[in-house]
Amino acid sequence: MTVSIDRTTSGGRAPSPPARLSVMSAPGGLDGLWWPRSRALARELPDLTAALGDLWGRITGVTVNPAYWPVIPHGVSFAGRTVPVHSTTGEQDPHRVTLVCAGGSRDVLVIPPETGATAAARLMSDDGRRAPDVPTGEGPANASPSA
């Protein structure tokens, strides 16, 4: 199931584009795929947490591995509240973002923002099952932070 939520804002600020997501239940604990537009977590996470909060319940925390994120904010604000963001290199897969919600933790595989539209669409349409088989530079396992 692909989810795209268009949120409008009041005031002079233009609404941000909807999060690019594919949400599913898959073996191995993967709950979805996310294709952010950039590596700026402060800009990307509010739309992700809003979209997934609508599906999974209130998001109360986010954990990322800092390997591919140049700046880790302490929290991100959306809908009048702040969600804390934690970083860890120990147990967190660098290609996943973990969201804590009312039902427990959910893992979302990150499709690198540098990935081409065709490859990202293919990954999202098959729920990421072919992620390791995508050509170098196109798949989550082959992404580099400077790509």
Foldseek 3Di string as FASTA:
>chain_A
DWDWDFDADDDDDGGDGAWGKAADDDPPQAGIATEFQALACLVGVQRVQVRVCVVFNHWAEKEAACQQRVDWDQWHDDPHDTHGYYYDDPPHDNQWMWTQHPVGIHIYGYFYNQADPVLVVVCSVVRNPCQVVDDACHHSVRPHNVD
